[in-house]
């Protein structure tokens, strides 16, 4: 019970960081806060730098991890393009793209500058925060069962959607679905965070490439 309550408090702090920054704009960016909370929790509970707690563990097969990550990235991209955007367009304005994305077309040097940023900030930072930290804390709060894992995937996906509040309601739904996919592959890969990091990196790399080539037009 004590462990569940502590996990609940940690999840609440993380949720407040997400909502406070993205919805109310009263706190700093949530990603560094979530990463810091994850590291502090890891050190406090394990008394060691045990990154496997967050999911950074060597898989039995890197090929399997790459395959799952690529499939998850493809599913997210196709779902967004052919399902989510057409459906949300019936109710809300189009998804607002990240600031400055329209300046990438034809500018390879800018794309190459953004690539390491998205891999570090989104690929590693967001995955540590939303999957490695929040998903696990919500699961622990709910009892750590299979049903708890399902609730944790849903809860972390909702927060991930709110983490992209600037994109508008359609963007919140779109990012929420992305959170569901990433949360599912995290569990399917045996809580291996490398799967999510790679999938997230592939998704955002595709987005940069599409912006550079002008496919968004």
N, C-alpha and C. Protein backbone atom coordinates (compact mmCIF):
# COMPACT_ATOMS: atom_id res chain seq x y z
N UNK A 1 0.83 -1.20 0.00
CA UNK A 1 0.00 0.00 0.00
C UNK A 1 0.87 1.26 0.00
N UNK A 2 1.93 1.24 0.82
CA UNK A 2 2.81 2.41 0.87
C UNK A 2 3.47 2.67 -0.48
N UNK A 3 3.90 1.57 -1.12
CA UNK A 3 4.52 1.72 -2.44
C UNK A 3 3.56 2.29 -3.47
N UNK A 4 2.30 1.84 -3.41
CA UNK A 4 1.29 2.33 -4.34
C UNK A 4 1.01 3.82 -4.11
N UNK A 5 0.96 4.22 -2.84
CA UNK A 5 0.71 5.62 -2.53
C UNK A 5 1.86 6.51 -2.99
N UNK A 6 3.08 6.03 -2.81
CA UNK A 6 4.25 6.79 -3.26
C UNK A 6 4.23 6.91 -4.78
N UNK A 7 3.91 5.81 -5.46
CA UNK A 7 3.81 5.86 -6.92
C UNK A 7 2.71 6.82 -7.36
N UNK A 8 1.61 6.82 -6.62
CA UNK A 8 0.53 7.75 -6.94
C UNK A 8 0.95 9.19 -6.78
N UNK A 9 1.72 9.48 -5.73
CA UNK A 9 2.21 10.84 -5.52
C UNK A 9 3.17 11.24 -6.64
N UNK A 10 4.01 10.30 -7.05
CA UNK A 10 4.95 10.59 -8.14
C UNK A 10 4.21 10.83 -9.45
N UNK A 11 3.20 9.99 -9.71
CA UNK A 11 2.41 10.17 -10.93
C UNK A 11 1.67 11.50 -10.91
N UNK A 12 1.16 11.89 -9.74
CA UNK A 12 0.45 13.16 -9.61
C UNK A 12 1.39 14.33 -9.88
N UNK A 13 2.59 14.28 -9.35
CA UNK A 13 3.57 15.34 -9.62
C UNK A 13 3.86 15.44 -11.11
N UNK A 14 4.02 14.27 -11.75
CA UNK A 14 4.27 14.27 -13.19
C UNK A 14 3.10 14.83 -13.97
N UNK A 15 1.87 14.44 -13.58
CA UNK A 15 0.68 14.94 -14.27
C UNK A 15 0.54 16.45 -14.11
N UNK A 16 0.83 16.95 -12.92
CA UNK A 16 0.77 18.39 -12.68
C UNK A 16 1.78 19.14 -13.54
N UNK A 17 2.95 18.54 -13.73
CA UNK A 17 3.97 19.16 -14.58
C UNK A 17 3.49 19.24 -16.03
N UNK A 18 2.84 18.16 -16.49
CA UNK A 18 2.33 18.12 -17.86
C UNK A 18 1.24 19.16 -18.07
N UNK A 19 0.24 19.14 -17.20
CA UNK A 19 -0.90 20.06 -17.34
C UNK A 19 -0.48 21.50 -17.05
N UNK A 20 0.37 21.66 -16.04
CA UNK A 20 0.80 23.01 -15.67
C UNK A 20 1.51 23.73 -16.78
N UNK A 21 2.34 22.99 -17.52
CA UNK A 21 3.07 23.66 -18.62
C UNK A 21 2.22 23.77 -19.88
N UNK A 22 1.61 22.68 -20.30
CA UNK A 22 0.99 22.64 -21.62
C UNK A 22 -0.40 23.25 -21.67
N UNK A 23 -1.16 23.15 -20.59
CA UNK A 23 -2.52 23.68 -20.59
C UNK A 23 -2.58 25.08 -19.99
N UNK A 24 -1.94 25.24 -18.82
CA UNK A 24 -2.06 26.52 -18.10
C UNK A 24 -0.84 27.44 -18.25
N UNK A 25 0.26 26.89 -18.75
CA UNK A 25 1.47 27.68 -18.99
C UNK A 25 1.98 28.37 -17.73
N UNK A 26 1.97 27.64 -16.63
CA UNK A 26 2.43 28.23 -15.36
C UNK A 26 3.70 27.54 -14.84
N UNK A 27 4.13 26.48 -15.49
CA UNK A 27 5.34 25.77 -15.07
C UNK A 27 6.27 25.61 -16.26
N UNK A 28 7.55 25.31 -16.02
CA UNK A 28 8.49 25.09 -17.14
C UNK A 28 8.10 23.84 -17.93
N UNK A 29 8.81 23.63 -19.04
CA UNK A 29 8.56 22.46 -19.87
C UNK A 29 8.60 21.19 -19.03
N UNK A 30 7.63 20.31 -19.28
CA UNK A 30 7.48 19.13 -18.42
C UNK A 30 8.52 18.05 -18.65
N UNK A 31 9.13 18.01 -19.84
CA UNK A 31 10.02 16.89 -20.16
C UNK A 31 11.23 16.83 -19.22
N UNK A 32 11.98 17.93 -19.03
CA UNK A 32 13.08 17.86 -18.06
C UNK A 32 12.60 17.53 -16.64
N UNK A 33 11.41 18.01 -16.28
CA UNK A 33 10.88 17.72 -14.94
C UNK A 33 10.59 16.23 -14.81
N UNK A 34 9.95 15.63 -15.82
CA UNK A 34 9.64 14.21 -15.77
C UNK A 34 10.91 13.36 -15.74
N UNK A 35 11.90 13.75 -16.53
CA UNK A 35 13.16 13.01 -16.53
C UNK A 35 13.83 13.10 -15.16
N UNK A 36 13.81 14.30 -14.57
CA UNK A 36 14.40 14.47 -13.24
C UNK A 36 13.66 13.63 -12.20
N UNK A 37 12.31 13.62 -12.27
CA UNK A 37 11.52 12.80 -11.35
C UNK A 37 11.84 11.32 -11.52
N UNK A 38 12.01 10.90 -12.77
CA UNK A 38 12.33 9.49 -13.04
C UNK A 38 13.68 9.11 -12.44
N UNK A 39 14.67 9.99 -12.59
CA UNK A 39 16.01 9.70 -12.07
C UNK A 39 16.02 9.70 -10.54
N UNK A 40 15.36 10.69 -9.95
CA UNK A 40 15.29 10.76 -8.49
C UNK A 40 14.58 9.52 -7.94
N UNK A 41 13.47 9.13 -8.57
CA UNK A 41 12.74 7.95 -8.12
C UNK A 41 13.60 6.70 -8.24
N UNK A 42 14.32 6.57 -9.35
CA UNK A 42 15.18 5.42 -9.56
C UNK A 42 16.25 5.33 -8.48
N UNK A 43 16.91 6.44 -8.19
CA UNK A 43 17.97 6.46 -7.18
C UNK A 43 17.42 6.20 -5.78
N UNK A 44 16.25 6.77 -5.50
CA UNK A 44 15.67 6.64 -4.16
C UNK A 44 15.20 5.21 -3.90
N UNK A 45 14.57 4.61 -4.91
CA UNK A 45 14.02 3.28 -4.71
C UNK A 45 15.07 2.18 -4.86
N UNK A 46 16.00 2.34 -5.82
CA UNK A 46 16.97 1.28 -6.10
C UNK A 46 18.31 1.50 -5.39
N UNK A 47 18.54 2.74 -4.94
CA UNK A 47 19.82 3.09 -4.33
C UNK A 47 20.99 2.80 -5.28
N UNK A 48 20.72 2.94 -6.57
CA UNK A 48 21.76 2.69 -7.58
C UNK A 48 21.29 3.28 -8.91
N UNK A 49 22.23 3.40 -9.84
CA UNK A 49 21.89 3.88 -11.18
C UNK A 49 21.43 2.69 -12.01
N UNK A 50 20.24 2.22 -11.73
CA UNK A 50 19.70 1.04 -12.41
C UNK A 50 18.74 1.49 -13.50
N UNK A 51 19.29 1.77 -14.69
CA UNK A 51 18.48 2.29 -15.78
C UNK A 51 17.48 1.27 -16.32
N UNK A 52 17.70 -0.01 -15.98
CA UNK A 52 16.75 -1.03 -16.40
C UNK A 52 15.39 -0.82 -15.76
N UNK A 53 15.34 -0.11 -14.63
CA UNK A 53 14.06 0.19 -13.98
C UNK A 53 13.17 0.99 -14.92
N UNK A 54 13.78 1.87 -15.69
CA UNK A 54 13.02 2.68 -16.65
C UNK A 54 12.78 1.95 -17.97
N UNK A 55 13.52 0.87 -18.19
CA UNK A 55 13.35 0.10 -19.42
C UNK A 55 14.58 0.06 -20.31
N UNK A 56 15.65 0.70 -19.90
CA UNK A 56 16.88 0.66 -20.70
C UNK A 56 17.66 -0.61 -20.37
N UNK A 57 17.22 -1.70 -20.97
CA UNK A 57 17.87 -2.98 -20.75
C UNK A 57 18.18 -3.63 -22.08
N UNK A 58 19.23 -4.44 -22.08
CA UNK A 58 19.64 -5.10 -23.31
C UNK A 58 18.63 -6.16 -23.70
N UNK A 59 18.07 -6.06 -24.90
CA UNK A 59 17.05 -7.05 -25.30
C UNK A 59 17.70 -8.36 -25.73
N UNK A 60 16.89 -9.40 -25.76
CA UNK A 60 17.38 -10.69 -26.27
C UNK A 60 17.69 -10.59 -27.75
N UNK A 61 16.95 -9.74 -28.45
CA UNK A 61 17.15 -9.58 -29.89
C UNK A 61 16.95 -8.12 -30.29
N UNK A 62 18.02 -7.47 -30.71
CA UNK A 62 17.90 -6.09 -31.19
C UNK A 62 17.07 -6.05 -32.48
N UNK A 63 17.17 -7.13 -33.27
CA UNK A 63 16.38 -7.17 -34.51
C UNK A 63 14.90 -7.12 -34.23
N UNK A 64 14.46 -7.84 -33.18
CA UNK A 64 13.04 -7.82 -32.81
C UNK A 64 12.63 -6.44 -32.33
N UNK A 65 13.49 -5.80 -31.54
CA UNK A 65 13.20 -4.45 -31.05
C UNK A 65 13.07 -3.48 -32.22
N UNK A 66 13.98 -3.55 -33.17
CA UNK A 66 13.93 -2.67 -34.34
C UNK A 66 12.67 -2.92 -35.16
N UNK A 67 12.30 -4.18 -35.30
CA UNK A 67 11.10 -4.53 -36.08
C UNK A 67 9.84 -3.98 -35.42
N UNK A 68 9.73 -4.16 -34.10
CA UNK A 68 8.56 -3.64 -33.37
C UNK A 68 8.52 -2.12 -33.46
N UNK A 69 9.69 -1.48 -33.30
CA UNK A 69 9.75 -0.01 -33.36
C UNK A 69 9.34 0.51 -34.73
N UNK A 70 9.85 -0.14 -35.79
CA UNK A 70 9.51 0.29 -37.14
C UNK A 70 8.03 0.09 -37.42
N UNK A 71 7.47 -1.03 -36.95
CA UNK A 71 6.04 -1.29 -37.16
C UNK A 71 5.19 -0.28 -36.41
N UNK A 72 5.60 0.05 -35.18
CA UNK A 72 4.86 1.03 -34.38
C UNK A 72 4.90 2.40 -35.04
N UNK A 73 6.08 2.78 -35.55
CA UNK A 73 6.21 4.08 -36.23
C UNK A 73 5.33 4.14 -37.47
N UNK A 74 5.35 3.04 -38.26
CA UNK A 74 4.53 3.01 -39.47
C UNK A 74 3.05 3.08 -39.13
N UNK A 75 2.63 2.36 -38.09
CA UNK A 75 1.22 2.38 -37.68
C UNK A 75 0.81 3.77 -37.24
N UNK A 76 1.67 4.43 -36.46
CA UNK A 76 1.34 5.77 -35.98
C UNK A 76 1.21 6.76 -37.14
N UNK A 77 2.14 6.70 -38.09
CA UNK A 77 2.13 7.61 -39.23
C UNK A 77 0.90 7.38 -40.10
N UNK A 78 0.61 6.11 -40.40
CA UNK A 78 -0.54 5.79 -41.25
C UNK A 78 -1.86 6.11 -40.56
N UNK A 79 -1.95 5.81 -39.26
CA UNK A 79 -3.16 6.14 -38.51
C UNK A 79 -3.41 7.65 -38.52
N UNK A 80 -2.34 8.42 -38.30
CA UNK A 80 -2.49 9.86 -38.29
C UNK A 80 -2.95 10.42 -39.62
N UNK A 81 -2.34 9.91 -40.68
CA UNK A 81 -2.61 10.45 -42.01
C UNK A 81 -3.98 10.05 -42.56
N UNK A 82 -4.34 8.78 -42.36
CA UNK A 82 -5.52 8.25 -43.05
C UNK A 82 -6.73 8.02 -42.15
N UNK A 83 -6.54 8.10 -40.84
CA UNK A 83 -7.67 7.85 -39.95
C UNK A 83 -7.94 9.05 -39.03
N UNK A 84 -6.96 9.41 -38.24
CA UNK A 84 -7.19 10.43 -37.20
C UNK A 84 -7.45 11.80 -37.81
N UNK A 85 -6.58 12.24 -38.71
CA UNK A 85 -6.76 13.58 -39.28
C UNK A 85 -8.08 13.71 -40.06
N UNK A 86 -8.44 12.75 -40.92
CA UNK A 86 -9.74 12.87 -41.60
C UNK A 86 -10.93 12.88 -40.64
N UNK A 87 -10.87 12.08 -39.57
CA UNK A 87 -11.98 12.04 -38.62
C UNK A 87 -12.07 13.31 -37.79
N UNK A 88 -10.94 13.76 -37.26
CA UNK A 88 -10.97 14.97 -36.42
C UNK A 88 -11.31 16.21 -37.23
N UNK A 89 -11.03 16.19 -38.53
CA UNK A 89 -11.35 17.34 -39.38
C UNK A 89 -12.85 17.59 -39.47
N UNK A 90 -13.64 16.57 -39.11
CA UNK A 90 -15.09 16.74 -39.13
C UNK A 90 -15.59 17.58 -37.95
N UNK A 91 -14.74 17.70 -36.91
CA UNK A 91 -15.18 18.38 -35.70
C UNK A 91 -14.33 19.59 -35.33
N UNK A 92 -13.05 19.56 -35.66
CA UNK A 92 -12.13 20.59 -35.19
C UNK A 92 -11.27 21.12 -36.33
N UNK A 93 -10.61 22.25 -36.10
CA UNK A 93 -9.66 22.76 -37.10
C UNK A 93 -8.49 21.80 -37.28
N UNK A 94 -7.72 21.96 -38.35
CA UNK A 94 -6.57 21.07 -38.58
C UNK A 94 -5.56 21.13 -37.44
N UNK A 95 -4.78 20.08 -37.32
CA UNK A 95 -3.75 20.01 -36.28
C UNK A 95 -2.72 21.10 -36.52
N UNK A 96 -2.38 21.84 -35.45
CA UNK A 96 -1.37 22.88 -35.56
C UNK A 96 0.02 22.25 -35.51
N UNK A 97 0.85 22.50 -36.51
CA UNK A 97 2.19 21.90 -36.50
C UNK A 97 3.09 22.61 -35.50
N UNK A 98 4.19 21.99 -35.11
CA UNK A 98 5.15 22.65 -34.22
C UNK A 98 5.66 23.95 -34.82
N UNK A 99 5.99 24.89 -33.98
CA UNK A 99 6.47 26.19 -34.44
C UNK A 99 7.76 26.02 -35.26
N UNK A 100 7.79 26.68 -36.42
CA UNK A 100 8.98 26.68 -37.25
C UNK A 100 9.07 25.53 -38.23
N UNK A 101 8.12 24.58 -38.20
CA UNK A 101 8.19 23.43 -39.08
C UNK A 101 8.08 23.82 -40.54
N UNK A 102 7.37 24.95 -40.79
CA UNK A 102 7.20 25.40 -42.17
C UNK A 102 8.47 25.99 -42.76
N UNK A 103 9.47 26.21 -41.94
CA UNK A 103 10.73 26.79 -42.42
C UNK A 103 11.75 25.72 -42.82
N UNK A 104 11.38 24.45 -42.71
CA UNK A 104 12.32 23.37 -42.98
C UNK A 104 12.39 22.99 -44.45
N UNK A 105 11.36 23.34 -45.23
CA UNK A 105 11.32 22.89 -46.61
C UNK A 105 12.53 23.39 -47.39
N UNK A 106 13.29 22.44 -47.93
CA UNK A 106 14.45 22.76 -48.75
C UNK A 106 15.69 23.16 -47.98
N UNK A 107 15.64 23.17 -46.65
CA UNK A 107 16.78 23.60 -45.84
C UNK A 107 17.39 22.40 -45.11
N UNK A 108 18.27 21.70 -45.80
CA UNK A 108 18.86 20.48 -45.25
C UNK A 108 19.67 20.76 -44.00
N UNK A 109 20.37 21.87 -43.97
CA UNK A 109 21.20 22.18 -42.80
C UNK A 109 20.36 22.35 -41.54
N UNK A 110 19.16 22.93 -41.70
CA UNK A 110 18.26 23.12 -40.55
C UNK A 110 17.72 21.77 -40.09
N UNK A 111 17.38 20.91 -41.06
CA UNK A 111 16.89 19.58 -40.72
C UNK A 111 17.95 18.80 -39.95
N UNK A 112 19.19 18.85 -40.42
CA UNK A 112 20.28 18.14 -39.75
C UNK A 112 20.54 18.70 -38.36
N UNK A 113 20.26 19.99 -38.16
CA UNK A 113 20.41 20.58 -36.84
C UNK A 113 19.32 20.09 -35.89
N UNK A 114 18.10 19.92 -36.43
CA UNK A 114 16.98 19.49 -35.60
C UNK A 114 17.00 18.00 -35.28
N UNK A 115 17.63 17.19 -36.12
CA UNK A 115 17.61 15.74 -35.93
C UNK A 115 18.11 15.30 -34.55
N UNK A 116 19.31 15.72 -34.13
CA UNK A 116 19.75 15.29 -32.79
C UNK A 116 18.86 15.85 -31.68
N UNK A 117 18.27 17.03 -31.90
CA UNK A 117 17.40 17.63 -30.88
C UNK A 117 16.17 16.77 -30.67
N UNK A 118 15.52 16.33 -31.77
CA UNK A 118 14.30 15.53 -31.62
C UNK A 118 14.60 14.16 -31.05
N UNK A 119 15.76 13.61 -31.39
CA UNK A 119 16.09 12.29 -30.85
C UNK A 119 16.37 12.37 -29.35
N UNK A 120 17.05 13.44 -28.92
CA UNK A 120 17.38 13.58 -27.50
C UNK A 120 16.15 14.01 -26.70
N UNK A 121 15.50 15.08 -27.16
CA UNK A 121 14.39 15.65 -26.39
C UNK A 121 13.14 14.77 -26.46
N UNK A 122 12.74 14.39 -27.69
CA UNK A 122 11.51 13.61 -27.85
C UNK A 122 11.77 12.11 -27.70
N UNK A 123 12.75 11.61 -28.46
CA UNK A 123 13.02 10.18 -28.43
C UNK A 123 13.38 9.67 -27.05
N UNK A 124 14.36 10.32 -26.43
CA UNK A 124 14.78 9.90 -25.10
C UNK A 124 13.97 10.60 -23.99
N UNK A 125 13.90 11.93 -24.05
CA UNK A 125 13.26 12.68 -22.97
C UNK A 125 11.81 12.33 -22.76
N UNK A 126 11.01 12.41 -23.82
CA UNK A 126 9.58 12.12 -23.67
C UNK A 126 9.33 10.66 -23.34
N UNK A 127 10.14 9.76 -23.88
CA UNK A 127 9.91 8.34 -23.59
C UNK A 127 10.29 7.99 -22.15
N UNK A 128 11.36 8.57 -21.64
CA UNK A 128 11.68 8.37 -20.23
C UNK A 128 10.55 8.91 -19.36
N UNK A 129 10.07 10.10 -19.71
CA UNK A 129 9.05 10.75 -18.90
C UNK A 129 7.69 10.09 -18.96
N UNK A 130 7.21 9.83 -20.17
CA UNK A 130 5.84 9.36 -20.32
C UNK A 130 5.69 7.85 -20.21
N UNK A 131 6.62 7.10 -20.78
CA UNK A 131 6.52 5.65 -20.70
C UNK A 131 7.35 5.09 -19.53
N UNK A 132 8.65 5.43 -19.46
CA UNK A 132 9.49 4.88 -18.41
C UNK A 132 9.07 5.30 -17.02
N UNK A 133 8.55 6.53 -16.88
CA UNK A 133 8.17 7.03 -15.56
C UNK A 133 6.66 6.98 -15.34
N UNK A 134 5.90 7.80 -16.06
CA UNK A 134 4.47 7.93 -15.77
C UNK A 134 3.70 6.62 -15.94
N UNK A 135 3.95 5.90 -17.03
CA UNK A 135 3.22 4.67 -17.26
C UNK A 135 3.46 3.68 -16.11
N UNK A 136 4.71 3.54 -15.71
CA UNK A 136 5.02 2.59 -14.63
C UNK A 136 4.44 3.03 -13.30
N UNK A 137 4.47 4.34 -13.03
CA UNK A 137 3.93 4.82 -11.76
C UNK A 137 2.42 4.63 -11.69
N UNK A 138 1.73 4.87 -12.79
CA UNK A 138 0.28 4.67 -12.81
C UNK A 138 -0.04 3.19 -12.63
N UNK A 139 0.75 2.33 -13.28
CA UNK A 139 0.55 0.89 -13.14
C UNK A 139 0.75 0.45 -11.69
N UNK A 140 1.82 0.95 -11.06
CA UNK A 140 2.07 0.60 -9.66
C UNK A 140 0.95 1.08 -8.75
N UNK A 141 0.45 2.29 -9.03
CA UNK A 141 -0.65 2.84 -8.25
C UNK A 141 -1.89 1.95 -8.33
N UNK A 142 -2.12 1.38 -9.51
CA UNK A 142 -3.32 0.57 -9.74
C UNK A 142 -3.12 -0.91 -9.40
N UNK A 143 -1.98 -1.26 -8.86
CA UNK A 143 -1.79 -2.63 -8.39
C UNK A 143 -0.79 -3.46 -9.15
N UNK A 144 -0.28 -2.95 -10.28
CA UNK A 144 0.75 -3.67 -11.02
C UNK A 144 0.26 -4.91 -11.75
N UNK A 145 -1.04 -5.07 -11.92
CA UNK A 145 -1.61 -6.21 -12.63
C UNK A 145 -1.69 -5.92 -14.13
N UNK A 146 -2.16 -6.91 -14.88
CA UNK A 146 -2.34 -6.69 -16.32
C UNK A 146 -3.39 -5.60 -16.58
N UNK A 147 -4.46 -5.62 -15.80
CA UNK A 147 -5.48 -4.58 -15.93
C UNK A 147 -4.90 -3.22 -15.56
N UNK A 148 -4.01 -3.20 -14.57
CA UNK A 148 -3.36 -1.95 -14.18
C UNK A 148 -2.49 -1.43 -15.32
N UNK A 149 -1.84 -2.33 -16.04
CA UNK A 149 -1.02 -1.92 -17.18
C UNK A 149 -1.88 -1.27 -18.27
N UNK A 150 -3.06 -1.83 -18.49
CA UNK A 150 -3.98 -1.25 -19.49
C UNK A 150 -4.39 0.16 -19.07
N UNK A 151 -4.75 0.32 -17.81
CA UNK A 151 -5.11 1.64 -17.29
C UNK A 151 -3.93 2.60 -17.39
N UNK A 152 -2.73 2.08 -17.14
CA UNK A 152 -1.53 2.92 -17.20
C UNK A 152 -1.24 3.39 -18.62
N UNK A 153 -1.45 2.50 -19.59
CA UNK A 153 -1.26 2.89 -20.99
C UNK A 153 -2.26 3.99 -21.36
N UNK A 154 -3.51 3.81 -20.93
CA UNK A 154 -4.54 4.82 -21.22
C UNK A 154 -4.23 6.14 -20.53
N UNK A 155 -3.86 6.07 -19.24
CA UNK A 155 -3.56 7.29 -18.49
C UNK A 155 -2.37 8.04 -19.04
N UNK A 156 -1.30 7.32 -19.34
CA UNK A 156 -0.11 7.99 -19.89
C UNK A 156 -0.38 8.54 -21.28
N UNK A 157 -1.26 7.88 -22.04
CA UNK A 157 -1.61 8.37 -23.38
C UNK A 157 -2.40 9.67 -23.29
N UNK A 158 -3.32 9.74 -22.33
CA UNK A 158 -4.09 10.99 -22.13
C UNK A 158 -3.13 12.13 -21.78
N UNK A 159 -2.20 11.87 -20.89
CA UNK A 159 -1.23 12.91 -20.51
C UNK A 159 -0.33 13.27 -21.69
N UNK A 160 0.02 12.28 -22.50
CA UNK A 160 0.85 12.55 -23.68
C UNK A 160 0.09 13.42 -24.67
N UNK A 161 -1.21 13.17 -24.79
CA UNK A 161 -2.03 14.03 -25.65
C UNK A 161 -2.06 15.45 -25.13
N UNK A 162 -2.26 15.62 -23.82
CA UNK A 162 -2.25 16.95 -23.22
C UNK A 162 -0.89 17.61 -23.32
N UNK A 163 0.16 16.78 -23.40
CA UNK A 163 1.50 17.31 -23.57
C UNK A 163 1.70 17.98 -24.93
N UNK A 164 0.74 17.78 -25.82
CA UNK A 164 0.77 18.42 -27.14
C UNK A 164 -0.46 19.31 -27.32
N UNK A 165 -0.84 19.96 -26.24
CA UNK A 165 -2.04 20.80 -26.20
C UNK A 165 -1.97 21.94 -27.21
N UNK A 166 -0.76 22.38 -27.50
CA UNK A 166 -0.59 23.50 -28.44
C UNK A 166 -1.07 23.16 -29.84
N UNK A 167 -1.23 21.88 -30.15
CA UNK A 167 -1.67 21.46 -31.48
C UNK A 167 -3.17 21.59 -31.67
N UNK A 168 -3.89 21.96 -30.61
CA UNK A 168 -5.33 22.05 -30.71
C UNK A 168 -5.99 20.72 -30.38
N UNK A 169 -7.33 20.68 -30.32
CA UNK A 169 -8.04 19.45 -29.93
C UNK A 169 -7.74 18.27 -30.83
N UNK A 170 -7.65 18.51 -32.13
CA UNK A 170 -7.32 17.41 -33.04
C UNK A 170 -5.92 16.89 -32.77
N UNK A 171 -5.01 17.79 -32.44
CA UNK A 171 -3.65 17.38 -32.14
C UNK A 171 -3.54 16.62 -30.83
N UNK A 172 -4.37 16.98 -29.86
CA UNK A 172 -4.39 16.25 -28.58
C UNK A 172 -4.83 14.80 -28.82
N UNK A 173 -5.88 14.63 -29.63
CA UNK A 173 -6.35 13.28 -29.95
C UNK A 173 -5.27 12.52 -30.72
N UNK A 174 -4.67 13.17 -31.71
CA UNK A 174 -3.64 12.54 -32.53
C UNK A 174 -2.47 12.08 -31.67
N UNK A 175 -1.98 12.95 -30.80
CA UNK A 175 -0.86 12.60 -29.93
C UNK A 175 -1.27 11.57 -28.88
N UNK A 176 -2.52 11.63 -28.45
CA UNK A 176 -3.01 10.63 -27.52
C UNK A 176 -3.00 9.23 -28.12
N UNK A 177 -3.39 9.12 -29.38
CA UNK A 177 -3.33 7.84 -30.08
C UNK A 177 -1.89 7.38 -30.23
N UNK A 178 -1.01 8.32 -30.52
CA UNK A 178 0.42 7.99 -30.58
C UNK A 178 0.90 7.45 -29.23
N UNK A 179 0.44 8.05 -28.14
CA UNK A 179 0.78 7.59 -26.81
C UNK A 179 0.28 6.18 -26.55
N UNK A 180 -0.93 5.86 -27.05
CA UNK A 180 -1.45 4.50 -26.91
C UNK A 180 -0.56 3.49 -27.62
N UNK A 181 -0.14 3.84 -28.83
CA UNK A 181 0.70 2.93 -29.61
C UNK A 181 2.05 2.73 -28.92
N UNK A 182 2.66 3.83 -28.49
CA UNK A 182 3.97 3.73 -27.84
C UNK A 182 3.88 3.00 -26.50
N UNK A 183 2.81 3.23 -25.75
CA UNK A 183 2.62 2.51 -24.50
C UNK A 183 2.42 1.02 -24.73
N UNK A 184 1.67 0.67 -25.78
CA UNK A 184 1.43 -0.74 -26.09
C UNK A 184 2.72 -1.45 -26.48
N UNK A 185 3.54 -0.81 -27.32
CA UNK A 185 4.77 -1.48 -27.73
C UNK A 185 5.78 -1.56 -26.59
N UNK A 186 5.68 -0.62 -25.64
CA UNK A 186 6.53 -0.70 -24.44
C UNK A 186 6.24 -1.99 -23.69
N UNK A 187 4.96 -2.30 -23.52
CA UNK A 187 4.59 -3.53 -22.83
C UNK A 187 4.86 -4.76 -23.68
N UNK A 188 4.55 -4.69 -24.97
CA UNK A 188 4.77 -5.83 -25.87
C UNK A 188 6.24 -6.23 -25.95
N UNK A 189 7.11 -5.27 -25.79
CA UNK A 189 8.55 -5.56 -25.87
C UNK A 189 9.14 -5.92 -24.52
N UNK A 190 8.28 -6.19 -23.55
CA UNK A 190 8.76 -6.55 -22.22
C UNK A 190 9.26 -5.36 -21.43
N UNK A 191 8.56 -4.23 -21.56
CA UNK A 191 8.95 -2.98 -20.89
C UNK A 191 10.37 -2.56 -21.28
N UNK A 192 10.68 -2.72 -22.54
CA UNK A 192 11.99 -2.29 -23.03
C UNK A 192 11.83 -0.91 -23.66
N UNK A 193 12.42 0.09 -23.02
CA UNK A 193 12.21 1.48 -23.46
C UNK A 193 12.92 1.79 -24.77
N UNK A 194 13.91 0.97 -25.12
CA UNK A 194 14.59 1.19 -26.40
C UNK A 194 13.59 1.11 -27.56
N UNK A 195 12.59 0.28 -27.44
CA UNK A 195 11.58 0.16 -28.50
C UNK A 195 10.87 1.49 -28.71
N UNK A 196 10.48 2.13 -27.62
CA UNK A 196 9.77 3.41 -27.71
C UNK A 196 10.68 4.53 -28.19
N UNK A 197 11.91 4.54 -27.71
CA UNK A 197 12.87 5.56 -28.14
C UNK A 197 13.07 5.49 -29.65
N UNK A 198 13.28 4.28 -30.15
CA UNK A 198 13.49 4.11 -31.59
C UNK A 198 12.24 4.46 -32.38
N UNK A 199 11.07 3.98 -31.93
CA UNK A 199 9.83 4.27 -32.64
C UNK A 199 9.56 5.78 -32.67
N UNK A 200 9.74 6.44 -31.54
CA UNK A 200 9.52 7.89 -31.47
C UNK A 200 10.50 8.63 -32.37
N UNK A 201 11.75 8.19 -32.35
CA UNK A 201 12.75 8.81 -33.21
C UNK A 201 12.42 8.63 -34.69
N UNK A 202 11.97 7.42 -35.05
CA UNK A 202 11.60 7.16 -36.45
C UNK A 202 10.42 8.06 -36.87
N UNK A 203 9.43 8.19 -35.99
CA UNK A 203 8.25 9.00 -36.29
C UNK A 203 8.64 10.46 -36.54
N UNK A 204 9.43 11.02 -35.64
CA UNK A 204 9.79 12.43 -35.77
C UNK A 204 10.78 12.66 -36.91
N UNK A 205 11.63 11.68 -37.19
CA UNK A 205 12.54 11.80 -38.34
C UNK A 205 11.74 11.82 -39.63
N UNK A 206 10.70 10.99 -39.69
CA UNK A 206 9.82 11.01 -40.86
C UNK A 206 9.14 12.37 -40.99
N UNK A 207 8.70 12.93 -39.85
CA UNK A 207 8.05 14.24 -39.88
C UNK A 207 8.98 15.33 -40.39
N UNK A 208 10.23 15.30 -39.95
CA UNK A 208 11.21 16.28 -40.44
C UNK A 208 11.46 16.10 -41.93
N UNK A 209 11.58 14.84 -42.35
CA UNK A 209 11.81 14.56 -43.78
C UNK A 209 10.65 15.04 -44.62
N UNK A 210 9.43 14.79 -44.14
CA UNK A 210 8.24 15.25 -44.87
C UNK A 210 8.21 16.76 -44.98
N UNK A 211 8.57 17.45 -43.89
CA UNK A 211 8.60 18.92 -43.93
C UNK A 211 9.67 19.42 -44.89
N UNK A 212 10.83 18.77 -44.88
CA UNK A 212 11.93 19.18 -45.78
C UNK A 212 11.54 19.00 -47.25
N UNK A 213 10.84 17.90 -47.55
CA UNK A 213 10.47 17.63 -48.94
C UNK A 213 9.19 18.33 -49.36
N UNK A 214 8.52 18.98 -48.40
CA UNK A 214 7.29 19.70 -48.73
C UNK A 214 6.08 18.82 -48.86
N UNK A 215 6.13 17.61 -48.30
CA UNK A 215 4.98 16.71 -48.41
C UNK A 215 3.79 17.23 -47.65
N UNK A 216 4.02 18.03 -46.61
CA UNK A 216 2.90 18.57 -45.82
C UNK A 216 2.03 19.50 -46.64
N UNK A 217 2.61 20.06 -47.70
CA UNK A 217 1.82 20.96 -48.55
C UNK A 217 0.78 20.21 -49.37
